[in-house]
Amino acid sequence: MKRYPWFKNKPCLDGSPCPAPLEFTVERVSRFEEVDSIHMVWHGHYASYFEDARVALGEHFGIGYATLWRERIPAPVKQMFVNYHSPLAFAERCRITARLHWCEAARMNMSYQIVSVQHNNRVASGYTVQMFTLPDGVYFVEQPAFYAAFCQRWKAGLLQTSSAGK
């Protein structure tokens, strides 16, 4: 399996190599309210696990929801895919890694991996695509100015990946 199977690592529009994905990792423990009758995390909750890492990545790099609200540019999730590998039990600690993949369109492509800390195995993986829109829901054709500036810093190598709660 390719390392990042959902997003192709194509050259930038100017022909230069695209920057490596930015990533951020968080840890959390599954809560009682998230499990089903067999004490496994219900499949629908994995979207919120992905969001935990996505929000942390956005805050770390200055492209989080506070920035989107300040800029008055919503970025709703347009696509989401989850691949379930093994169950996560009640009170199990897991590590969630979000990776932002380079894209020169007006969107954010993120992939995710959830790993059980206790068992050191992959629990789930997947991706989301968020589209930048105007407040009335019309899609941007080009990247908004704040995100284009962020991408310039990324391409120049000025951004560092990090982890929290590890």
C-alpha atoms as a PDB file:
ATOM      1  CA  MET A   1       0.000   0.000   0.000  1.00  0.00           C
ATOM      2  CA  LYS A   2       1.257   3.485  -0.836  1.00  0.00           C
ATOM      3  CA  ARG A   3       2.090   5.692   2.129  1.00  0.00           C
ATOM      4  CA  TYR A   4      -0.619   8.272   1.264  1.00  0.00           C
ATOM      5  CA  PRO A   5      -2.901   6.382  -1.112  1.00  0.00           C
ATOM      6  CA  TRP A   6      -5.622   9.014  -1.505  1.00  0.00           C
ATOM      7  CA  PHE A   7      -3.727  12.074  -2.678  1.00  0.00           C
ATOM      8  CA  LYS A   8      -1.227  11.876  -5.515  1.00  0.00           C
ATOM      9  CA  ASN A   9       2.156  13.533  -5.002  1.00  0.00           C
ATOM     10  CA  LYS A  10       2.246  15.430  -8.307  1.00  0.00           C
ATOM     11  CA  PRO A  11       4.644  18.274  -9.131  1.00  0.00           C
ATOM     12  CA  CYS A  12       3.513  21.834  -8.442  1.00  0.00           C
ATOM     13  CA  LEU A  13       2.003  23.864 -11.261  1.00  0.00           C
ATOM     14  CA  ASP A  14       5.375  25.579 -11.762  1.00  0.00           C
ATOM     15  CA  GLY A  15       7.018  22.154 -12.244  1.00  0.00           C
ATOM     16  CA  SER A  16       8.853  22.106  -8.911  1.00  0.00           C
ATOM     17  CA  PRO A  17       8.339  19.214  -6.482  1.00  0.00           C
ATOM     18  CA  CYS A  18       5.427  19.699  -4.134  1.00  0.00           C
ATOM     19  CA  PRO A  19       6.176  20.025  -0.417  1.00  0.00           C
ATOM     20  CA  ALA A  20       5.823  17.015   1.863  1.00  0.00           C
ATOM     21  CA  PRO A  21       2.547  16.782   3.806  1.00  0.00           C
ATOM     22  CA  LEU A  22       2.326  18.721   7.047  1.00  0.00           C
ATOM     23  CA  GLU A  23       1.256  16.583   9.977  1.00  0.00           C
ATOM     24  CA  PHE A  24       0.096  16.893  13.529  1.00  0.00           C
ATOM     25  CA  THR A  25      -0.591  14.123  16.031  1.00  0.00           C
ATOM     26  CA  VAL A  26      -2.836  14.140  19.088  1.00  0.00           C
ATOM     27  CA  GLU A  27      -3.725  11.489  21.622  1.00  0.00           C
ATOM     28  CA  ARG A  28      -7.069  10.766  23.224  1.00  0.00           C
ATOM     29  CA  VAL A  29      -8.837   8.061  25.195  1.00  0.00           C
ATOM     30  CA  SER A  30     -12.135   6.601  23.979  1.00  0.00           C
ATOM     31  CA  ARG A  31     -15.004   7.617  26.248  1.00  0.00           C
ATOM     32  CA  PHE A  32     -17.909   5.586  27.560  1.00  0.00           C
ATOM     33  CA  GLU A  33     -20.419   7.645  25.560  1.00  0.00           C
ATOM     34  CA  GLU A  34     -18.625   6.635  22.332  1.00  0.00           C
ATOM     35  CA  VAL A  35     -18.911   2.869  22.683  1.00  0.00           C
ATOM     36  CA  ASP A  36     -21.700   0.516  21.657  1.00  0.00           C
ATOM     37  CA  SER A  37     -23.177  -2.467  23.498  1.00  0.00           C
ATOM     38  CA  ILE A  38     -20.072  -4.587  22.832  1.00  0.00           C
ATOM     39  CA  HIS A  39     -17.792  -1.891  24.321  1.00  0.00           C
ATOM     40  CA  MET A  40     -16.235  -0.918  20.990  1.00  0.00           C
ATOM     41  CA  VAL A  41     -16.183   2.634  19.666  1.00  0.00           C
ATOM     42  CA  TRP A  42     -19.179   3.048  17.357  1.00  0.00           C
ATOM     43  CA  HIS A  43     -18.041   3.547  13.750  1.00  0.00           C
ATOM     44  CA  GLY A  44     -19.740   6.949  13.419  1.00  0.00           C
ATOM     45  CA  HIS A  45     -17.492   8.493  16.069  1.00  0.00           C
ATOM     46  CA  TYR A  46     -14.318   8.132  14.023  1.00  0.00           C
ATOM     47  CA  ALA A  47     -15.215  11.340  12.156  1.00  0.00           C
ATOM     48  CA  SER A  48     -14.875  13.256  15.443  1.00  0.00           C
ATOM     49  CA  TYR A  49     -11.528  11.550  16.091  1.00  0.00           C
ATOM     50  CA  PHE A  50     -10.354  12.773  12.680  1.00  0.00           C
ATOM     51  CA  GLU A  51     -11.627  16.234  13.568  1.00  0.00           C
ATOM     52  CA  ASP A  52      -9.642  16.295  16.825  1.00  0.00           C
ATOM     53  CA  ALA A  53      -6.433  15.998  14.820  1.00  0.00           C
ATOM     54  CA  ARG A  54      -7.643  18.276  11.995  1.00  0.00           C
ATOM     55  CA  VAL A  55      -8.505  21.067  14.463  1.00  0.00           C
ATOM     56  CA  ALA A  56      -5.145  20.715  16.246  1.00  0.00           C
ATOM     57  CA  LEU A  57      -3.278  20.817  12.916  1.00  0.00           C
ATOM     58  CA  GLY A  58      -5.198  23.927  11.836  1.00  0.00           C
ATOM     59  CA  GLU A  59      -4.543  25.730  15.110  1.00  0.00           C
ATOM     60  CA  HIS A  60      -0.842  24.803  15.047  1.00  0.00           C
ATOM     61  CA  PHE A  61      -0.322  26.135  11.520  1.00  0.00           C
ATOM     62  CA  GLY A  62      -2.602  29.192  11.764  1.00  0.00           C
ATOM     63  CA  ILE A  63      -5.297  27.915   9.396  1.00  0.00           C
ATOM     64  CA  GLY A  64      -7.781  26.737  12.014  1.00  0.00           C
ATOM     65  CA  TYR A  65     -11.434  27.539  12.433  1.00  0.00           C
ATOM     66  CA  ALA A  66     -10.679  30.852  14.202  1.00  0.00           C
ATOM     67  CA  THR A  67      -8.799  31.983  11.078  1.00  0.00           C
ATOM     68  CA  LEU A  68     -11.608  30.795   8.806  1.00  0.00           C
ATOM     69  CA  TRP A  69     -14.170  32.711  10.898  1.00  0.00           C
ATOM     70  CA  ARG A  70     -11.997  35.842  10.964  1.00  0.00           C
ATOM     71  CA  GLU A  71     -11.602  35.668   7.178  1.00  0.00           C
ATOM     72  CA  ARG A  72     -15.342  34.877   6.765  1.00  0.00           C
ATOM     73  CA  ILE A  73     -14.438  31.846   4.639  1.00  0.00           C
ATOM     74  CA  PRO A  74     -16.177  28.607   5.559  1.00  0.00           C
ATOM     75  CA  ALA A  75     -14.446  25.363   4.604  1.00  0.00           C
ATOM     76  CA  PRO A  76     -17.076  22.630   4.862  1.00  0.00           C
ATOM     77  CA  VAL A  77     -16.162  18.987   4.470  1.00  0.00           C
ATOM     78  CA  LYS A  78     -17.126  17.959   0.928  1.00  0.00           C
ATOM     79  CA  GLN A  79     -15.890  14.346   1.058  1.00  0.00           C
ATOM     80  CA  MET A  80     -14.990  11.919   3.803  1.00  0.00           C
ATOM     81  CA  PHE A  81     -13.801   8.339   3.665  1.00  0.00           C
ATOM     82  CA  VAL A  82     -13.022   5.984   6.545  1.00  0.00           C
ATOM     83  CA  ASN A  83     -11.329   2.600   6.308  1.00  0.00           C
ATOM     84  CA  TYR A  84     -11.798   0.553   9.499  1.00  0.00           C
ATOM     85  CA  HIS A  85      -8.906  -1.791  10.310  1.00  0.00           C
ATOM     86  CA  SER A  86      -9.528  -2.984  13.887  1.00  0.00           C
ATOM     87  CA  PRO A  87     -11.845  -1.972  16.721  1.00  0.00           C
ATOM     88  CA  LEU A  88     -11.040   0.538  19.421  1.00  0.00           C
ATOM     89  CA  ALA A  89     -12.309  -0.457  22.880  1.00  0.00           C
ATOM     90  CA  PHE A  90     -13.670   1.618  25.742  1.00  0.00           C
ATOM     91  CA  ALA A  91     -10.942   3.534  27.636  1.00  0.00           C
ATOM     92  CA  GLU A  92      -8.336   2.690  25.006  1.00  0.00           C
ATOM     93  CA  ARG A  93      -5.713   5.345  24.274  1.00  0.00           C
ATOM     94  CA  CYS A  94      -5.133   6.135  20.633  1.00  0.00           C
ATOM     95  CA  ARG A  95      -2.923   8.406  18.567  1.00  0.00           C
ATOM     96  CA  ILE A  96      -4.546  10.327  15.705  1.00  0.00           C
ATOM     97  CA  THR A  97      -2.347  11.812  12.995  1.00  0.00           C
ATOM     98  CA  ALA A  98      -3.715  14.320  10.493  1.00  0.00           C
ATOM     99  CA  ARG A  99      -1.723  15.098   7.350  1.00  0.00           C
ATOM    100  CA  LEU A 100      -2.417  18.114   5.166  1.00  0.00           C
ATOM    101  CA  HIS A 101      -1.455  17.299   1.582  1.00  0.00           C
ATOM    102  CA  TRP A 102      -0.248  19.892  -0.894  1.00  0.00           C
ATOM    103  CA  CYS A 103      -2.921  21.107  -3.291  1.00  0.00           C
ATOM    104  CA  GLU A 104      -2.939  24.291  -5.326  1.00  0.00           C
ATOM    105  CA  ALA A 105      -6.723  24.309  -5.685  1.00  0.00           C
ATOM    106  CA  ALA A 106      -9.123  26.074  -3.305  1.00  0.00           C
ATOM    107  CA  ARG A 107      -9.405  23.077  -0.995  1.00  0.00           C
ATOM    108  CA  MET A 108      -7.680  21.267   1.840  1.00  0.00           C
ATOM    109  CA  ASN A 109      -6.897  17.557   1.416  1.00  0.00           C
ATOM    110  CA  MET A 110      -6.289  15.772   4.714  1.00  0.00           C
ATOM    111  CA  SER A 111      -5.539  12.147   5.452  1.00  0.00           C
ATOM    112  CA  TYR A 112      -5.754  10.510   8.860  1.00  0.00           C
ATOM    113  CA  GLN A 113      -4.476   7.515  10.725  1.00  0.00           C
ATOM    114  CA  ILE A 114      -5.657   6.296  14.117  1.00  0.00           C
ATOM    115  CA  VAL A 115      -3.335   3.912  15.975  1.00  0.00           C
ATOM    116  CA  SER A 116      -3.998   2.113  19.249  1.00  0.00           C
ATOM    117  CA  VAL A 117      -1.299   3.033  21.749  1.00  0.00           C
ATOM    118  CA  GLN A 118      -1.829  -0.145  23.819  1.00  0.00           C
ATOM    119  CA  HIS A 119      -1.782  -2.593  20.905  1.00  0.00           C
ATOM    120  CA  ASN A 120       0.368  -0.558  18.476  1.00  0.00           C
ATOM    121  CA  ASN A 121      -1.921  -1.376  15.557  1.00  0.00           C
ATOM    122  CA  ARG A 122      -3.796   0.720  13.021  1.00  0.00           C
ATOM    123  CA  VAL A 123      -7.417   1.215  14.011  1.00  0.00           C
ATOM    124  CA  ALA A 124      -8.661   3.365  11.127  1.00  0.00           C
ATOM    125  CA  SER A 125      -7.436   5.527   8.273  1.00  0.00           C
ATOM    126  CA  GLY A 126      -9.170   7.860   5.892  1.00  0.00           C
ATOM    127  CA  TYR A 127      -9.371  11.304   4.384  1.00  0.00           C
ATOM    128  CA  THR A 128     -11.430  14.462   4.129  1.00  0.00           C
ATOM    129  CA  VAL A 129     -11.640  17.142   1.465  1.00  0.00           C
ATOM    130  CA  GLN A 130     -12.677  20.613   2.595  1.00  0.00           C
ATOM    131  CA  MET A 131     -13.668  23.221   0.024  1.00  0.00           C
ATOM    132  CA  PHE A 132     -13.256  26.955   0.597  1.00  0.00           C
ATOM    133  CA  THR A 133     -16.542  28.798   0.061  1.00  0.00           C
ATOM    134  CA  LEU A 134     -17.965  32.271   0.323  1.00  0.00           C
ATOM    135  CA  PRO A 135     -20.428  32.740   3.198  1.00  0.00           C
ATOM    136  CA  ASP A 136     -23.312  32.042   0.783  1.00  0.00           C
ATOM    137  CA  GLY A 137     -21.831  28.634  -0.116  1.00  0.00           C
ATOM    138  CA  VAL A 138     -20.359  29.501  -3.524  1.00  0.00           C
ATOM    139  CA  TYR A 139     -17.043  27.697  -4.026  1.00  0.00           C
ATOM    140  CA  PHE A 140     -13.812  29.635  -4.465  1.00  0.00           C
ATOM    141  CA  VAL A 141     -12.119  29.170  -7.840  1.00  0.00           C
ATOM    142  CA  GLU A 142      -8.688  30.137  -6.473  1.00  0.00           C
ATOM    143  CA  GLN A 143      -7.226  29.808  -3.003  1.00  0.00           C
ATOM    144  CA  PRO A 144      -8.302  32.584  -0.629  1.00  0.00           C
ATOM    145  CA  ALA A 145      -5.495  35.081   0.059  1.00  0.00           C
ATOM    146  CA  PHE A 146      -4.786  33.894   3.622  1.00  0.00           C
ATOM    147  CA  TYR A 147      -4.467  30.270   2.452  1.00  0.00           C
ATOM    148  CA  ALA A 148      -2.333  31.188  -0.575  1.00  0.00           C
ATOM    149  CA  ALA A 149       0.060  33.006   1.813  1.00  0.00           C
ATOM    150  CA  PHE A 150       0.096  29.923   4.070  1.00  0.00           C
ATOM    151  CA  CYS A 151       0.954  27.734   1.045  1.00  0.00           C
ATOM    152  CA  GLN A 152       3.817  30.070   0.104  1.00  0.00           C
ATOM    153  CA  ARG A 153       5.294  29.658   3.622  1.00  0.00           C
ATOM    154  CA  TRP A 154       4.777  25.882   3.362  1.00  0.00           C
ATOM    155  CA  LYS A 155       6.481  25.648  -0.015  1.00  0.00           C
ATOM    156  CA  ALA A 156       9.388  27.791   1.268  1.00  0.00           C
ATOM    157  CA  GLY A 157       9.942  25.267   4.074  1.00  0.00           C
ATOM    158  CA  LEU A 158       8.979  27.669   6.858  1.00  0.00           C
ATOM    159  CA  LEU A 159       6.462  25.363   8.560  1.00  0.00           C
ATOM    160  CA  GLN A 160       7.278  22.583  11.031  1.00  0.00           C
ATOM    161  CA  THR A 161       5.196  19.493  11.790  1.00  0.00           C
ATOM    162  CA  SER A 162       4.545  18.762  15.439  1.00  0.00           C
ATOM    163  CA  SER A 163       2.702  16.559  17.892  1.00  0.00           C
ATOM    164  CA  ALA A 164       0.738  17.194  21.046  1.00  0.00           C
ATOM    165  CA  GLY A 165      -0.084  14.828  23.841  1.00  0.00           C
ATOM    166  CA  LYS A 166       2.527  12.246  22.908  1.00  0.00           C
END
